[in-house]
């Protein structure tokens, strides 16, 4: 999260892509929840 914060604060973030999220292998939706949380964080910080 610190790395993401530094990238956002640099003003150089041009895009964000969530790839390779396979619900069949996502135990208890942990990866989906993390991805959603990170996207939410980025949207609210830019």
PDB file of N, CA and C in Angstrom:
ATOM      1  N   UNK A   1       0.821  -1.191   0.000  1.00  0.00           N
ATOM      2  CA  UNK A   1       0.000   0.000   0.000  1.00  0.00           C
ATOM      3  C   UNK A   1       0.867   1.257   0.000  1.00  0.00           C
ATOM      4  N   UNK A   2       1.981   1.223   0.675  1.00  0.00           N
ATOM      5  CA  UNK A   2       2.878   2.380   0.685  1.00  0.00           C
ATOM      6  C   UNK A   2       3.397   2.687  -0.714  1.00  0.00           C
ATOM      7  N   UNK A   3       3.732   1.655  -1.464  1.00  0.00           N
ATOM      8  CA  UNK A   3       4.210   1.863  -2.836  1.00  0.00           C
ATOM      9  C   UNK A   3       3.126   2.506  -3.684  1.00  0.00           C
ATOM     10  N   UNK A   4       1.906   2.026  -3.561  1.00  0.00           N
ATOM     11  CA  UNK A   4       0.787   2.589  -4.313  1.00  0.00           C
ATOM     12  C   UNK A   4       0.567   4.044  -3.920  1.00  0.00           C
ATOM     13  N   UNK A   5       0.660   4.333  -2.648  1.00  0.00           N
ATOM     14  CA  UNK A   5       0.494   5.705  -2.165  1.00  0.00           C
ATOM     15  C   UNK A   5       1.551   6.622  -2.774  1.00  0.00           C
ATOM     16  N   UNK A   6       2.795   6.165  -2.831  1.00  0.00           N
ATOM     17  CA  UNK A   6       3.869   6.967  -3.420  1.00  0.00           C
ATOM     18  C   UNK A   6       3.639   7.214  -4.908  1.00  0.00           C
ATOM     19  N   UNK A   7       3.164   6.200  -5.601  1.00  0.00           N
ATOM     20  CA  UNK A   7       2.889   6.347  -7.035  1.00  0.00           C
ATOM     21  C   UNK A   7       1.777   7.365  -7.252  1.00  0.00           C
ATOM     22  N   UNK A   8       0.720   7.288  -6.472  1.00  0.00           N
ATOM     23  CA  UNK A   8      -0.390   8.233  -6.602  1.00  0.00           C
ATOM     24  C   UNK A   8       0.085   9.652  -6.307  1.00  0.00           C
ATOM     25  N   UNK A   9       0.839   9.817  -5.248  1.00  0.00           N
ATOM     26  CA  UNK A   9       1.311  11.142  -4.852  1.00  0.00           C
ATOM     27  C   UNK A   9       2.293  11.735  -5.847  1.00  0.00           C
ATOM     28  N   UNK A  10       2.948  10.899  -6.639  1.00  0.00           N
ATOM     29  CA  UNK A  10       3.899  11.406  -7.632  1.00  0.00           C
ATOM     30  C   UNK A  10       3.193  12.121  -8.778  1.00  0.00           C
ATOM     31  N   UNK A  11       1.901  11.846  -8.954  1.00  0.00           N
ATOM     32  CA  UNK A  11       1.155  12.456 -10.042  1.00  0.00           C
ATOM     33  C   UNK A  11       1.396  11.804 -11.387  1.00  0.00           C
ATOM     34  N   UNK A  12       2.093  10.682 -11.399  1.00  0.00           N
ATOM     35  CA  UNK A  12       2.447  10.016 -12.649  1.00  0.00           C
ATOM     36  C   UNK A  12       1.553   8.823 -12.980  1.00  0.00           C
ATOM     37  N   UNK A  13       0.573   8.540 -12.149  1.00  0.00           N
ATOM     38  CA  UNK A  13      -0.327   7.420 -12.403  1.00  0.00           C
ATOM     39  C   UNK A  13      -1.236   7.762 -13.575  1.00  0.00           C
ATOM     40  N   UNK A  14      -1.152   6.972 -14.626  1.00  0.00           N
ATOM     41  CA  UNK A  14      -1.947   7.212 -15.825  1.00  0.00           C
ATOM     42  C   UNK A  14      -3.091   6.222 -15.973  1.00  0.00           C
ATOM     43  N   UNK A  15      -2.990   5.076 -15.328  1.00  0.00           N
ATOM     44  CA  UNK A  15      -4.034   4.071 -15.455  1.00  0.00           C
ATOM     45  C   UNK A  15      -3.860   2.992 -14.414  1.00  0.00           C
ATOM     46  N   UNK A  16      -4.898   2.192 -14.277  1.00  0.00           N
ATOM     47  CA  UNK A  16      -4.873   1.092 -13.319  1.00  0.00           C
ATOM     48  C   UNK A  16      -5.647  -0.066 -13.929  1.00  0.00           C
ATOM     49  N   UNK A  17      -5.074  -1.236 -13.886  1.00  0.00           N
ATOM     50  CA  UNK A  17      -5.697  -2.403 -14.491  1.00  0.00           C
ATOM     51  C   UNK A  17      -5.625  -3.572 -13.514  1.00  0.00           C
ATOM     52  N   UNK A  18      -6.753  -4.198 -13.278  1.00  0.00           N
ATOM     53  CA  UNK A  18      -6.796  -5.400 -12.444  1.00  0.00           C
ATOM     54  C   UNK A  18      -6.882  -6.589 -13.391  1.00  0.00           C
ATOM     55  N   UNK A  19      -5.881  -7.436 -13.356  1.00  0.00           N
ATOM     56  CA  UNK A  19      -5.828  -8.574 -14.275  1.00  0.00           C
ATOM     57  C   UNK A  19      -5.645  -9.881 -13.506  1.00  0.00           C
ATOM     58  N   UNK A  20      -5.980 -10.958 -14.180  1.00  0.00           N
ATOM     59  CA  UNK A  20      -5.778 -12.310 -13.652  1.00  0.00           C
ATOM     60  C   UNK A  20      -6.516 -12.562 -12.345  1.00  0.00           C
ATOM     61  N   UNK A  21      -7.750 -12.113 -12.273  1.00  0.00           N
ATOM     62  CA  UNK A  21      -8.596 -12.403 -11.121  1.00  0.00           C
ATOM     63  C   UNK A  21      -9.540 -13.530 -11.515  1.00  0.00           C
ATOM     64  N   UNK A  22      -9.275 -14.728 -10.992  1.00  0.00           N
ATOM     65  CA  UNK A  22     -10.069 -15.903 -11.341  1.00  0.00           C
ATOM     66  C   UNK A  22     -10.919 -16.319 -10.143  1.00  0.00           C
ATOM     67  N   UNK A  23     -12.236 -16.098 -10.214  1.00  0.00           N
ATOM     68  CA  UNK A  23     -13.102 -16.434  -9.082  1.00  0.00           C
ATOM     69  C   UNK A  23     -13.070 -17.909  -8.693  1.00  0.00           C
ATOM     70  N   UNK A  24     -12.723 -18.784  -9.625  1.00  0.00           N
ATOM     71  CA  UNK A  24     -12.667 -20.214  -9.310  1.00  0.00           C
ATOM     72  C   UNK A  24     -11.551 -20.551  -8.324  1.00  0.00           C
ATOM     73  N   UNK A  25     -10.528 -19.724  -8.257  1.00  0.00           N
ATOM     74  CA  UNK A  25      -9.398 -19.972  -7.362  1.00  0.00           C
ATOM     75  C   UNK A  25      -9.316 -18.952  -6.225  1.00  0.00           C
ATOM     76  N   UNK A  26     -10.297 -18.102  -6.122  1.00  0.00           N
ATOM     77  CA  UNK A  26     -10.296 -17.029  -5.128  1.00  0.00           C
ATOM     78  C   UNK A  26     -11.044 -17.494  -3.879  1.00  0.00           C
ATOM     79  N   UNK A  27     -10.306 -18.023  -2.930  1.00  0.00           N
ATOM     80  CA  UNK A  27     -10.891 -18.560  -1.701  1.00  0.00           C
ATOM     81  C   UNK A  27     -11.507 -17.425  -0.884  1.00  0.00           C
ATOM     82  N   UNK A  28     -12.790 -17.563  -0.581  1.00  0.00           N
ATOM     83  CA  UNK A  28     -13.543 -16.579   0.213  1.00  0.00           C
ATOM     84  C   UNK A  28     -13.506 -15.175  -0.389  1.00  0.00           C
ATOM     85  N   UNK A  29     -13.308 -15.084  -1.698  1.00  0.00           N
ATOM     86  CA  UNK A  29     -13.269 -13.792  -2.406  1.00  0.00           C
ATOM     87  C   UNK A  29     -12.190 -12.850  -1.872  1.00  0.00           C
ATOM     88  N   UNK A  30     -11.121 -13.400  -1.315  1.00  0.00           N
ATOM     89  CA  UNK A  30     -10.065 -12.568  -0.743  1.00  0.00           C
ATOM     90  C   UNK A  30      -9.412 -11.672  -1.788  1.00  0.00           C
ATOM     91  N   UNK A  31      -9.107 -12.230  -2.948  1.00  0.00           N
ATOM     92  CA  UNK A  31      -8.441 -11.461  -3.993  1.00  0.00           C
ATOM     93  C   UNK A  31      -9.377 -10.407  -4.566  1.00  0.00           C
ATOM     94  N   UNK A  32     -10.630 -10.764  -4.771  1.00  0.00           N
ATOM     95  CA  UNK A  32     -11.611  -9.804  -5.290  1.00  0.00           C
ATOM     96  C   UNK A  32     -11.794  -8.638  -4.321  1.00  0.00           C
ATOM     97  N   UNK A  33     -11.847  -8.938  -3.037  1.00  0.00           N
ATOM     98  CA  UNK A  33     -12.000  -7.884  -2.030  1.00  0.00           C
ATOM     99  C   UNK A  33     -10.773  -6.982  -1.991  1.00  0.00           C
ATOM    100  N   UNK A  34      -9.586  -7.568  -2.107  1.00  0.00           N
ATOM    101  CA  UNK A  34      -8.363  -6.771  -2.131  1.00  0.00           C
ATOM    102  C   UNK A  34      -8.331  -5.878  -3.364  1.00  0.00           C
ATOM    103  N   UNK A  35      -8.663  -6.431  -4.517  1.00  0.00           N
ATOM    104  CA  UNK A  35      -8.677  -5.651  -5.757  1.00  0.00           C
ATOM    105  C   UNK A  35      -9.675  -4.501  -5.650  1.00  0.00           C
ATOM    106  N   UNK A  36     -10.861  -4.777  -5.141  1.00  0.00           N
ATOM    107  CA  UNK A  36     -11.876  -3.733  -4.983  1.00  0.00           C
ATOM    108  C   UNK A  36     -11.402  -2.650  -4.024  1.00  0.00           C
ATOM    109  N   UNK A  37     -10.757  -3.066  -2.960  1.00  0.00           N
ATOM    110  CA  UNK A  37     -10.243  -2.117  -1.976  1.00  0.00           C
ATOM    111  C   UNK A  37      -9.167  -1.215  -2.580  1.00  0.00           C
ATOM    112  N   UNK A  38      -8.261  -1.803  -3.352  1.00  0.00           N
ATOM    113  CA  UNK A  38      -7.201  -1.016  -3.982  1.00  0.00           C
ATOM    114  C   UNK A  38      -7.753  -0.043  -5.014  1.00  0.00           C
ATOM    115  N   UNK A  39      -8.701  -0.493  -5.822  1.00  0.00           N
ATOM    116  CA  UNK A  39      -9.316   0.391  -6.819  1.00  0.00           C
ATOM    117  C   UNK A  39     -10.055   1.531  -6.114  1.00  0.00           C
ATOM    118  N   UNK A  40     -10.793   1.214  -5.071  1.00  0.00           N
ATOM    119  CA  UNK A  40     -11.499   2.237  -4.292  1.00  0.00           C
ATOM    120  C   UNK A  40     -10.513   3.256  -3.732  1.00  0.00           C
ATOM    121  N   UNK A  41      -9.421   2.782  -3.185  1.00  0.00           N
ATOM    122  CA  UNK A  41      -8.393   3.653  -2.616  1.00  0.00           C
ATOM    123  C   UNK A  41      -7.844   4.606  -3.672  1.00  0.00           C
ATOM    124  N   UNK A  42      -7.499   4.064  -4.829  1.00  0.00           N
ATOM    125  CA  UNK A  42      -6.926   4.885  -5.902  1.00  0.00           C
ATOM    126  C   UNK A  42      -7.933   5.933  -6.370  1.00  0.00           C
ATOM    127  N   UNK A  43      -9.169   5.528  -6.596  1.00  0.00           N
ATOM    128  CA  UNK A  43     -10.188   6.463  -7.085  1.00  0.00           C
ATOM    129  C   UNK A  43     -10.382   7.626  -6.114  1.00  0.00           C
ATOM    130  N   UNK A  44     -10.349   7.345  -4.834  1.00  0.00           N
ATOM    131  CA  UNK A  44     -10.592   8.400  -3.856  1.00  0.00           C
ATOM    132  C   UNK A  44      -9.356   9.256  -3.576  1.00  0.00           C
ATOM    133  N   UNK A  45      -8.193   8.813  -4.020  1.00  0.00           N
ATOM    134  CA  UNK A  45      -6.965   9.576  -3.787  1.00  0.00           C
ATOM    135  C   UNK A  45      -6.577  10.458  -4.968  1.00  0.00           C
ATOM    136  N   UNK A  46      -7.109  10.154  -6.150  1.00  0.00           N
ATOM    137  CA  UNK A  46      -6.722  10.973  -7.311  1.00  0.00           C
ATOM    138  C   UNK A  46      -7.745  12.055  -7.580  1.00  0.00           C
TER     139      UNK A  46
END
